[in-house]
């Protein structure tokens, strides 16, 4: 009888904490906290391809430096990525405004 009860428990669905996707833009950021972006988040944030990001890492001195998190993982500081994106937008805007 114990076997039957345990079997019934094993077959019950396990609630998932990841059942609904979380939109990163809906997460409120706490001031003074440091947030690290992983490669997938960097791809989503910049809307660039992985290959383009690797080229930028190798050739663009203004691109944020990766930081080593563990022996096999790296990340980028969100604040530096945001600043880089804004600087690109500002330089593009300045070039467009100067050309008119």
N, C-alpha and C. Protein backbone atom coordinates (compact mmCIF):
# COMPACT_ATOMS: atom_id res chain seq x y z
N UNK A 1 0.82 -1.19 0.00
CA UNK A 1 0.00 0.00 0.00
C UNK A 1 0.86 1.25 0.00
N UNK A 2 1.96 1.22 0.69
CA UNK A 2 2.87 2.36 0.70
C UNK A 2 3.39 2.63 -0.70
N UNK A 3 3.65 1.58 -1.45
CA UNK A 3 4.14 1.73 -2.81
C UNK A 3 3.13 2.49 -3.67
N UNK A 4 1.88 2.15 -3.52
CA UNK A 4 0.82 2.81 -4.29
C UNK A 4 0.74 4.30 -3.95
N UNK A 5 0.81 4.64 -2.71
CA UNK A 5 0.74 6.03 -2.28
C UNK A 5 1.94 6.80 -2.82
N UNK A 6 3.14 6.22 -2.72
CA UNK A 6 4.33 6.89 -3.24
C UNK A 6 4.24 7.07 -4.74
N UNK A 7 3.73 6.07 -5.44
CA UNK A 7 3.58 6.18 -6.88
C UNK A 7 2.65 7.31 -7.27
N UNK A 8 1.58 7.47 -6.49
CA UNK A 8 0.63 8.55 -6.76
C UNK A 8 1.28 9.90 -6.55
N UNK A 9 2.11 10.00 -5.54
CA UNK A 9 2.79 11.26 -5.28
C UNK A 9 3.77 11.57 -6.40
N UNK A 10 4.46 10.55 -6.89
CA UNK A 10 5.44 10.75 -7.96
C UNK A 10 4.80 11.24 -9.25
N UNK A 11 3.55 10.87 -9.48
CA UNK A 11 2.89 11.24 -10.74
C UNK A 11 2.26 12.61 -10.71
N UNK A 12 2.22 13.25 -9.56
CA UNK A 12 1.60 14.56 -9.47
C UNK A 12 2.46 15.59 -10.20
N UNK A 13 1.81 16.50 -10.91
CA UNK A 13 2.59 17.52 -11.61
C UNK A 13 3.33 18.41 -10.62
N UNK A 14 4.53 18.76 -10.99
CA UNK A 14 5.35 19.64 -10.16
C UNK A 14 5.18 21.06 -10.66
N UNK A 15 4.78 21.98 -9.79
CA UNK A 15 4.62 23.36 -10.25
C UNK A 15 5.96 23.94 -10.67
N UNK A 16 5.95 24.65 -11.76
CA UNK A 16 7.18 25.25 -12.27
C UNK A 16 7.22 26.73 -11.93
N UNK A 17 8.36 27.18 -11.45
CA UNK A 17 8.53 28.59 -11.15
C UNK A 17 8.81 29.38 -12.42
N UNK A 18 9.07 28.67 -13.51
CA UNK A 18 9.40 29.32 -14.78
C UNK A 18 8.27 29.15 -15.77
N UNK A 19 7.05 29.02 -15.29
CA UNK A 19 5.93 28.76 -16.19
C UNK A 19 5.61 29.94 -17.08
N UNK A 20 5.82 31.16 -16.60
CA UNK A 20 5.56 32.31 -17.44
C UNK A 20 6.86 33.06 -17.68
N UNK A 21 7.12 33.43 -18.93
CA UNK A 21 8.37 34.13 -19.21
C UNK A 21 8.40 35.50 -18.54
N UNK A 22 9.57 35.88 -18.09
CA UNK A 22 9.74 37.17 -17.43
C UNK A 22 10.37 38.14 -18.41
N UNK A 23 9.75 39.25 -18.60
CA UNK A 23 10.28 40.29 -19.48
C UNK A 23 11.27 41.11 -18.67
N UNK A 24 12.52 41.15 -19.14
CA UNK A 24 13.57 41.86 -18.39
C UNK A 24 13.24 43.34 -18.22
N UNK A 25 12.51 43.92 -19.15
CA UNK A 25 12.19 45.34 -19.03
C UNK A 25 11.14 45.61 -17.94
N UNK A 26 10.41 44.55 -17.54
CA UNK A 26 9.40 44.75 -16.51
C UNK A 26 9.97 44.62 -15.11
N UNK A 27 11.21 44.14 -14.99
CA UNK A 27 11.83 44.00 -13.69
C UNK A 27 12.32 45.37 -13.24
N UNK A 28 11.90 45.77 -12.06
CA UNK A 28 12.33 47.08 -11.57
C UNK A 28 13.75 46.95 -11.01
N UNK A 29 14.61 47.84 -11.42
CA UNK A 29 16.00 47.83 -11.00
C UNK A 29 16.14 48.63 -9.73
N UNK A 30 16.91 48.10 -8.81
CA UNK A 30 17.16 48.80 -7.56
C UNK A 30 18.40 49.66 -7.72
N UNK A 31 18.33 50.93 -7.33
CA UNK A 31 19.49 51.80 -7.46
C UNK A 31 20.64 51.29 -6.59
N UNK A 32 21.84 51.44 -7.10
CA UNK A 32 23.01 51.03 -6.35
C UNK A 32 23.37 49.56 -6.52
N UNK A 33 22.56 48.79 -7.22
CA UNK A 33 22.85 47.37 -7.45
C UNK A 33 23.59 47.22 -8.77
N UNK A 34 24.45 46.24 -8.83
CA UNK A 34 25.20 45.94 -10.05
C UNK A 34 24.53 44.75 -10.73
N UNK A 35 24.21 44.89 -12.00
CA UNK A 35 23.59 43.81 -12.75
C UNK A 35 24.53 43.37 -13.86
N UNK A 36 24.61 42.06 -14.03
CA UNK A 36 25.49 41.47 -15.03
C UNK A 36 24.63 40.83 -16.11
N UNK A 37 24.98 41.10 -17.36
CA UNK A 37 24.29 40.50 -18.49
C UNK A 37 25.10 39.32 -18.99
N UNK A 38 24.46 38.23 -19.27
CA UNK A 38 25.11 37.09 -19.90
C UNK A 38 24.97 37.26 -21.40
N UNK A 39 25.61 36.40 -22.17
CA UNK A 39 25.65 36.54 -23.63
C UNK A 39 24.24 36.62 -24.22
N UNK A 40 23.34 35.77 -23.78
CA UNK A 40 21.98 35.79 -24.34
C UNK A 40 21.32 37.14 -24.09
N UNK A 41 21.49 37.69 -22.91
CA UNK A 41 20.91 38.99 -22.59
C UNK A 41 21.60 40.10 -23.38
N UNK A 42 22.91 39.97 -23.59
CA UNK A 42 23.65 40.95 -24.39
C UNK A 42 23.14 40.94 -25.83
N UNK A 43 22.90 39.77 -26.37
CA UNK A 43 22.35 39.66 -27.72
C UNK A 43 20.98 40.34 -27.80
N UNK A 44 20.13 40.08 -26.81
CA UNK A 44 18.80 40.67 -26.80
C UNK A 44 18.86 42.19 -26.63
N UNK A 45 19.73 42.65 -25.77
CA UNK A 45 19.82 44.08 -25.46
C UNK A 45 20.35 44.87 -26.65
N UNK A 46 21.38 44.36 -27.32
CA UNK A 46 22.00 45.11 -28.42
C UNK A 46 21.32 44.86 -29.76
N UNK A 47 20.59 43.77 -29.86
CA UNK A 47 19.95 43.36 -31.13
C UNK A 47 21.00 43.09 -32.22
N UNK A 48 22.20 42.69 -31.79
CA UNK A 48 23.27 42.35 -32.72
C UNK A 48 23.46 40.84 -32.73
N UNK A 49 24.08 40.33 -33.79
CA UNK A 49 24.36 38.90 -33.85
C UNK A 49 25.55 38.56 -32.97
N UNK A 50 25.68 37.29 -32.63
CA UNK A 50 26.79 36.82 -31.82
C UNK A 50 28.12 37.12 -32.52
N UNK A 51 28.17 36.88 -33.83
CA UNK A 51 29.40 37.13 -34.60
C UNK A 51 29.78 38.60 -34.56
N UNK A 52 28.80 39.48 -34.71
CA UNK A 52 29.07 40.92 -34.66
C UNK A 52 29.59 41.33 -33.30
N UNK A 53 29.01 40.77 -32.24
CA UNK A 53 29.49 41.09 -30.90
C UNK A 53 30.95 40.67 -30.71
N UNK A 54 31.30 39.49 -31.21
CA UNK A 54 32.69 39.04 -31.09
C UNK A 54 33.64 39.95 -31.86
N UNK A 55 33.21 40.43 -33.02
CA UNK A 55 34.04 41.36 -33.80
C UNK A 55 34.20 42.67 -33.01
N UNK A 56 33.12 43.18 -32.45
CA UNK A 56 33.19 44.41 -31.66
C UNK A 56 34.10 44.24 -30.44
N UNK A 57 34.02 43.09 -29.78
CA UNK A 57 34.87 42.84 -28.61
C UNK A 57 36.34 42.88 -28.99
N UNK A 58 36.64 42.42 -30.21
CA UNK A 58 38.03 42.35 -30.65
C UNK A 58 38.53 43.66 -31.25
N UNK A 59 37.65 44.48 -31.81
CA UNK A 59 38.11 45.64 -32.57
C UNK A 59 37.69 47.00 -32.02
N UNK A 60 36.63 47.06 -31.24
CA UNK A 60 36.11 48.34 -30.76
C UNK A 60 36.56 48.58 -29.32
N UNK A 61 37.48 49.51 -29.11
CA UNK A 61 37.96 49.76 -27.75
C UNK A 61 36.90 50.38 -26.84
N UNK A 62 35.82 50.89 -27.42
CA UNK A 62 34.76 51.48 -26.59
C UNK A 62 33.75 50.45 -26.13
N UNK A 63 33.78 49.25 -26.72
CA UNK A 63 32.82 48.21 -26.34
C UNK A 63 33.14 47.73 -24.92
N UNK A 64 32.10 47.54 -24.09
CA UNK A 64 32.33 47.11 -22.70
C UNK A 64 33.14 45.81 -22.61
N UNK A 65 34.06 45.80 -21.66
CA UNK A 65 34.88 44.60 -21.46
C UNK A 65 34.08 43.54 -20.74
N UNK A 66 34.33 42.30 -21.14
CA UNK A 66 33.67 41.20 -20.44
C UNK A 66 34.36 40.98 -19.11
N UNK A 67 33.60 40.50 -18.14
CA UNK A 67 34.17 40.20 -16.84
C UNK A 67 34.03 38.70 -16.59
N UNK A 68 35.05 38.13 -16.02
CA UNK A 68 35.06 36.70 -15.76
C UNK A 68 34.28 36.43 -14.48
N UNK A 69 33.23 35.62 -14.59
CA UNK A 69 32.39 35.30 -13.44
C UNK A 69 32.88 34.02 -12.75
N UNK A 70 33.15 33.01 -13.56
CA UNK A 70 33.72 31.76 -13.07
C UNK A 70 34.75 31.30 -14.09
N UNK A 71 35.27 30.12 -13.91
CA UNK A 71 36.26 29.61 -14.85
C UNK A 71 35.69 29.46 -16.26
N UNK A 72 34.37 29.25 -16.36
CA UNK A 72 33.77 29.00 -17.67
C UNK A 72 32.64 29.94 -18.03
N UNK A 73 32.49 31.05 -17.32
CA UNK A 73 31.41 31.97 -17.66
C UNK A 73 31.87 33.42 -17.56
N UNK A 74 31.32 34.21 -18.46
CA UNK A 74 31.63 35.64 -18.48
C UNK A 74 30.32 36.43 -18.53
N UNK A 75 30.43 37.71 -18.25
CA UNK A 75 29.28 38.59 -18.32
C UNK A 75 29.74 40.01 -18.61
N UNK A 76 28.79 40.89 -18.77
CA UNK A 76 29.06 42.30 -19.03
C UNK A 76 28.22 43.11 -18.07
N UNK A 77 28.80 44.18 -17.55
CA UNK A 77 28.05 45.04 -16.65
C UNK A 77 26.95 45.74 -17.43
N UNK A 78 25.74 45.64 -16.95
CA UNK A 78 24.60 46.23 -17.64
C UNK A 78 24.78 47.73 -17.81
N UNK A 79 25.31 48.40 -16.79
CA UNK A 79 25.48 49.85 -16.87
C UNK A 79 26.45 50.23 -17.99
N UNK A 80 27.51 49.45 -18.17
CA UNK A 80 28.47 49.74 -19.24
C UNK A 80 27.86 49.48 -20.62
N UNK A 81 27.06 48.43 -20.72
CA UNK A 81 26.40 48.12 -22.00
C UNK A 81 25.42 49.23 -22.35
N UNK A 82 24.64 49.66 -21.38
CA UNK A 82 23.68 50.75 -21.62
C UNK A 82 24.40 52.03 -22.03
N UNK A 83 25.50 52.34 -21.35
CA UNK A 83 26.27 53.55 -21.69
C UNK A 83 26.82 53.44 -23.11
N UNK A 84 27.29 52.26 -23.50
CA UNK A 84 27.83 52.06 -24.85
C UNK A 84 26.73 52.25 -25.89
N UNK A 85 25.56 51.69 -25.63
CA UNK A 85 24.44 51.84 -26.56
C UNK A 85 24.07 53.31 -26.70
N UNK A 86 23.99 54.02 -25.58
CA UNK A 86 23.65 55.45 -25.62
C UNK A 86 24.71 56.26 -26.36
N UNK A 87 25.99 55.92 -26.16
CA UNK A 87 27.04 56.66 -26.87
C UNK A 87 26.95 56.42 -28.37
N UNK A 88 26.59 55.20 -28.78
CA UNK A 88 26.41 54.93 -30.21
C UNK A 88 25.23 55.72 -30.75
N UNK A 89 24.15 55.78 -29.99
CA UNK A 89 22.97 56.52 -30.44
C UNK A 89 23.28 58.01 -30.52
N UNK A 90 24.02 58.53 -29.54
CA UNK A 90 24.36 59.96 -29.54
C UNK A 90 25.30 60.31 -30.69
N UNK A 91 26.29 59.45 -30.95
CA UNK A 91 27.22 59.74 -32.05
C UNK A 91 26.50 59.65 -33.38
N UNK A 92 25.56 58.73 -33.53
CA UNK A 92 24.79 58.61 -34.75
C UNK A 92 23.90 59.83 -34.93
N UNK A 93 23.29 60.29 -33.84
CA UNK A 93 22.45 61.47 -33.89
C UNK A 93 23.28 62.70 -34.25
N UNK A 94 24.47 62.81 -33.68
CA UNK A 94 25.33 63.95 -33.97
C UNK A 94 25.75 63.96 -35.44
N UNK A 95 26.03 62.77 -36.00
CA UNK A 95 26.41 62.69 -37.41
C UNK A 95 25.24 63.08 -38.30
N UNK A 96 24.02 62.64 -37.94
CA UNK A 96 22.84 62.98 -38.74
C UNK A 96 22.52 64.47 -38.64
N UNK A 97 22.62 65.02 -37.44
CA UNK A 97 22.31 66.42 -37.25
C UNK A 97 23.37 67.32 -37.90
N UNK A 98 24.62 66.90 -37.89
CA UNK A 98 25.70 67.68 -38.49
C UNK A 98 25.67 67.66 -40.00
N UNK A 99 25.08 66.61 -40.56
CA UNK A 99 25.03 66.47 -42.01
C UNK A 99 23.94 67.28 -42.66
N UNK A 100 22.98 67.79 -41.89
CA UNK A 100 21.86 68.54 -42.46
C UNK A 100 22.19 69.97 -42.66
